[in-house]
Amino acid sequence: MTFLASIHEIINFAGLALDVVGVLIIVAGAVLSTLAFLTPWRARPLTYRGYRKNVGRSILLGLEFLVGGDIIRTVSVEHPSLENVFVLGLIVMIRTAMSFTMEAELEGRWPWQGRSLETAAPSEDESAPS
């Protein structure tokens, strides 16, 4: 096995490892969030909104790993083609759009905006006693 072939194998393995980690994060996050939601003995039970946020966060983190794995595998192709680059671009665009929309739904704002309306501190006018 030549040096370049072994490097290619290592890079492919790294891409696959990132994919596996991404899937494990999504599955573990969903399972742990569901257990926390269904556990009746907790001092502060998890609300439905909190449950959705926890599951959504695990999906977002898992998607980041999956995008990384796709990029690494596409870069490591022995004979790269324009088609491979277009497929990668499409996959990254779809997953990025999913991440943006999920973050907007979870946080109540787009990623490039400031704090959400729900978590923003009240202005001086709102906090002044009447």
C-alpha atoms as a PDB file:
ATOM      1  CA  MET A   1       0.000   0.000   0.000  1.00  0.00           C
ATOM      2  CA  THR A   2       1.443   3.348  -0.989  1.00  0.00           C
ATOM      3  CA  PHE A   3       1.638   6.357   1.246  1.00  0.00           C
ATOM      4  CA  LEU A   4      -1.062   8.227  -0.704  1.00  0.00           C
ATOM      5  CA  ALA A   5      -3.390   5.231  -0.595  1.00  0.00           C
ATOM      6  CA  SER A   6      -3.023   4.979   3.173  1.00  0.00           C
ATOM      7  CA  ILE A   7      -3.674   8.719   3.563  1.00  0.00           C
ATOM      8  CA  HIS A   8      -6.782   8.313   1.404  1.00  0.00           C
ATOM      9  CA  GLU A   9      -7.990   5.467   3.662  1.00  0.00           C
ATOM     10  CA  ILE A  10      -7.421   7.571   6.785  1.00  0.00           C
ATOM     11  CA  ILE A  11      -9.329  10.520   5.314  1.00  0.00           C
ATOM     12  CA  ASN A  12     -12.235   8.285   4.292  1.00  0.00           C
ATOM     13  CA  PHE A  13     -12.291   6.795   7.781  1.00  0.00           C
ATOM     14  CA  ALA A  14     -12.324  10.301   9.308  1.00  0.00           C
ATOM     15  CA  GLY A  15     -15.326  11.239   7.154  1.00  0.00           C
ATOM     16  CA  LEU A  16     -17.147   8.071   8.141  1.00  0.00           C
ATOM     17  CA  ALA A  17     -16.281   8.647  11.805  1.00  0.00           C
ATOM     18  CA  LEU A  18     -17.790  12.141  11.664  1.00  0.00           C
ATOM     19  CA  ASP A  19     -20.957  10.703  10.118  1.00  0.00           C
ATOM     20  CA  VAL A  20     -21.228   8.083  12.856  1.00  0.00           C
ATOM     21  CA  VAL A  21     -20.659  10.689  15.581  1.00  0.00           C
ATOM     22  CA  GLY A  22     -23.337  12.919  14.022  1.00  0.00           C
ATOM     23  CA  VAL A  23     -25.889  10.114  13.957  1.00  0.00           C
ATOM     24  CA  LEU A  24     -25.018   9.072  17.524  1.00  0.00           C
ATOM     25  CA  ILE A  25     -25.460  12.647  18.747  1.00  0.00           C
ATOM     26  CA  ILE A  26     -28.889  12.893  17.141  1.00  0.00           C
ATOM     27  CA  VAL A  27     -30.043   9.523  18.497  1.00  0.00           C
ATOM     28  CA  ALA A  28     -28.583  10.044  21.984  1.00  0.00           C
ATOM     29  CA  GLY A  29     -30.034  13.544  22.203  1.00  0.00           C
ATOM     30  CA  ALA A  30     -33.483  12.339  21.199  1.00  0.00           C
ATOM     31  CA  VAL A  31     -33.389   9.405  23.626  1.00  0.00           C
ATOM     32  CA  LEU A  32     -32.068  11.439  26.574  1.00  0.00           C
ATOM     33  CA  SER A  33     -34.522  14.271  25.932  1.00  0.00           C
ATOM     34  CA  THR A  34     -37.407  11.819  25.749  1.00  0.00           C
ATOM     35  CA  LEU A  35     -36.344  10.149  28.996  1.00  0.00           C
ATOM     36  CA  ALA A  36     -36.068  13.532  30.719  1.00  0.00           C
ATOM     37  CA  PHE A  37     -39.498  14.512  29.399  1.00  0.00           C
ATOM     38  CA  LEU A  38     -41.159  11.279  30.524  1.00  0.00           C
ATOM     39  CA  THR A  39     -39.486  11.030  33.934  1.00  0.00           C
ATOM     40  CA  PRO A  40     -42.136  11.970  36.516  1.00  0.00           C
ATOM     41  CA  TRP A  41     -39.846  12.215  39.553  1.00  0.00           C
ATOM     42  CA  ARG A  42     -37.850  15.228  38.406  1.00  0.00           C
ATOM     43  CA  ALA A  43     -38.039  18.297  40.636  1.00  0.00           C
ATOM     44  CA  ARG A  44     -38.700  20.482  37.591  1.00  0.00           C
ATOM     45  CA  PRO A  45     -40.369  18.456  34.877  1.00  0.00           C
ATOM     46  CA  LEU A  46     -39.307  19.191  31.328  1.00  0.00           C
ATOM     47  CA  THR A  47     -41.972  21.082  29.426  1.00  0.00           C
ATOM     48  CA  TYR A  48     -42.898  20.324  25.854  1.00  0.00           C
ATOM     49  CA  ARG A  49     -41.085  23.482  24.744  1.00  0.00           C
ATOM     50  CA  GLY A  50     -37.963  22.400  26.636  1.00  0.00           C
ATOM     51  CA  TYR A  51     -38.231  18.932  25.138  1.00  0.00           C
ATOM     52  CA  ARG A  52     -38.410  20.370  21.614  1.00  0.00           C
ATOM     53  CA  LYS A  53     -35.417  22.615  22.325  1.00  0.00           C
ATOM     54  CA  ASN A  54     -33.313  19.717  23.594  1.00  0.00           C
ATOM     55  CA  VAL A  55     -34.161  17.481  20.640  1.00  0.00           C
ATOM     56  CA  GLY A  56     -33.608  20.359  18.227  1.00  0.00           C
ATOM     57  CA  ARG A  57     -30.200  21.167  19.707  1.00  0.00           C
ATOM     58  CA  SER A  58     -29.074  17.572  19.338  1.00  0.00           C
ATOM     59  CA  ILE A  59     -30.263  17.537  15.716  1.00  0.00           C
ATOM     60  CA  LEU A  60     -28.411  20.794  15.005  1.00  0.00           C
ATOM     61  CA  LEU A  61     -25.188  19.493  16.524  1.00  0.00           C
ATOM     62  CA  GLY A  62     -25.520  16.182  14.698  1.00  0.00           C
ATOM     63  CA  LEU A  63     -26.080  18.003  11.392  1.00  0.00           C
ATOM     64  CA  GLU A  64     -22.820  19.912  11.881  1.00  0.00           C
ATOM     65  CA  PHE A  65     -20.919  16.635  12.167  1.00  0.00           C
ATOM     66  CA  LEU A  66     -22.727  15.165   9.156  1.00  0.00           C
ATOM     67  CA  VAL A  67     -21.830  18.183   7.007  1.00  0.00           C
ATOM     68  CA  GLY A  68     -18.208  17.842   8.106  1.00  0.00           C
ATOM     69  CA  GLY A  69     -18.189  14.173   7.135  1.00  0.00           C
ATOM     70  CA  ASP A  70     -19.650  14.974   3.717  1.00  0.00           C
ATOM     71  CA  ILE A  71     -17.017  17.625   3.075  1.00  0.00           C
ATOM     72  CA  ILE A  72     -14.145  15.363   4.091  1.00  0.00           C
ATOM     73  CA  ARG A  73     -15.373  12.462   1.975  1.00  0.00           C
ATOM     74  CA  THR A  74     -15.912  14.661  -1.072  1.00  0.00           C
ATOM     75  CA  VAL A  75     -12.433  16.168  -0.768  1.00  0.00           C
ATOM     76  CA  SER A  76     -10.874  12.723  -0.435  1.00  0.00           C
ATOM     77  CA  VAL A  77     -12.350  11.287  -3.644  1.00  0.00           C
ATOM     78  CA  GLU A  78      -9.561   9.811  -5.782  1.00  0.00           C
ATOM     79  CA  HIS A  79     -10.929  11.274  -9.004  1.00  0.00           C
ATOM     80  CA  PRO A  80     -12.857  14.403  -8.066  1.00  0.00           C
ATOM     81  CA  SER A  81     -15.385  15.599 -10.580  1.00  0.00           C
ATOM     82  CA  LEU A  82     -17.560  18.635 -10.987  1.00  0.00           C
ATOM     83  CA  GLU A  83     -20.563  16.420 -10.280  1.00  0.00           C
ATOM     84  CA  ASN A  84     -19.130  15.483  -6.847  1.00  0.00           C
ATOM     85  CA  VAL A  85     -18.636  19.150  -6.019  1.00  0.00           C
ATOM     86  CA  PHE A  86     -22.193  20.016  -7.098  1.00  0.00           C
ATOM     87  CA  VAL A  87     -23.632  17.160  -5.027  1.00  0.00           C
ATOM     88  CA  LEU A  88     -21.610  18.300  -2.005  1.00  0.00           C
ATOM     89  CA  GLY A  89     -22.775  21.876  -2.509  1.00  0.00           C
ATOM     90  CA  LEU A  90     -26.394  20.773  -2.679  1.00  0.00           C
ATOM     91  CA  ILE A  91     -26.067  18.628   0.454  1.00  0.00           C
ATOM     92  CA  VAL A  92     -24.370  21.439   2.386  1.00  0.00           C
ATOM     93  CA  MET A  93     -26.999  23.965   1.234  1.00  0.00           C
ATOM     94  CA  ILE A  94     -29.877  21.707   2.294  1.00  0.00           C
ATOM     95  CA  ARG A  95     -28.363  20.905   5.686  1.00  0.00           C
ATOM     96  CA  THR A  96     -27.433  24.543   6.288  1.00  0.00           C
ATOM     97  CA  ALA A  97     -30.974  25.651   5.439  1.00  0.00           C
ATOM     98  CA  MET A  98     -32.289  23.007   7.845  1.00  0.00           C
ATOM     99  CA  SER A  99     -29.953  24.296  10.562  1.00  0.00           C
ATOM    100  CA  PHE A 100     -31.030  27.908  10.025  1.00  0.00           C
ATOM    101  CA  THR A 101     -34.727  27.124  10.096  1.00  0.00           C
ATOM    102  CA  MET A 102     -34.391  24.873  13.136  1.00  0.00           C
ATOM    103  CA  GLU A 103     -32.413  27.515  15.008  1.00  0.00           C
ATOM    104  CA  ALA A 104     -34.996  30.141  14.087  1.00  0.00           C
ATOM    105  CA  GLU A 105     -37.739  27.884  15.412  1.00  0.00           C
ATOM    106  CA  LEU A 106     -35.874  26.996  18.609  1.00  0.00           C
ATOM    107  CA  GLU A 107     -34.505  30.435  19.477  1.00  0.00           C
ATOM    108  CA  GLY A 108     -37.255  32.610  18.037  1.00  0.00           C
ATOM    109  CA  ARG A 109     -34.787  34.489  15.822  1.00  0.00           C
ATOM    110  CA  TRP A 110     -32.502  34.011  12.842  1.00  0.00           C
ATOM    111  CA  PRO A 111     -28.862  33.167  13.646  1.00  0.00           C
ATOM    112  CA  TRP A 112     -27.617  36.575  12.441  1.00  0.00           C
ATOM    113  CA  GLN A 113     -30.055  38.536  14.594  1.00  0.00           C
ATOM    114  CA  GLY A 114     -29.557  39.600  18.181  1.00  0.00           C
ATOM    115  CA  ARG A 115     -31.349  38.079  21.129  1.00  0.00           C
ATOM    116  CA  SER A 116     -34.847  36.735  20.663  1.00  0.00           C
ATOM    117  CA  LEU A 117     -37.832  38.749  21.762  1.00  0.00           C
ATOM    118  CA  GLU A 118     -38.581  36.204  24.483  1.00  0.00           C
ATOM    119  CA  THR A 119     -35.110  36.429  26.073  1.00  0.00           C
ATOM    120  CA  ALA A 120     -34.360  40.110  25.453  1.00  0.00           C
ATOM    121  CA  ALA A 121     -34.096  42.270  28.535  1.00  0.00           C
ATOM    122  CA  PRO A 122     -36.905  44.783  28.964  1.00  0.00           C
ATOM    123  CA  SER A 123     -36.130  48.350  27.970  1.00  0.00           C
ATOM    124  CA  GLU A 124     -35.950  51.081  30.606  1.00  0.00           C
ATOM    125  CA  ASP A 125     -39.481  52.175  29.716  1.00  0.00           C
ATOM    126  CA  GLU A 126     -40.841  48.673  30.289  1.00  0.00           C
ATOM    127  CA  SER A 127     -38.998  48.060  33.557  1.00  0.00           C
ATOM    128  CA  ALA A 128     -39.789  51.421  35.171  1.00  0.00           C
ATOM    129  CA  PRO A 129     -42.478  51.185  37.839  1.00  0.00           C
ATOM    130  CA  SER A 130     -45.726  52.998  37.074  1.00  0.00           C
END
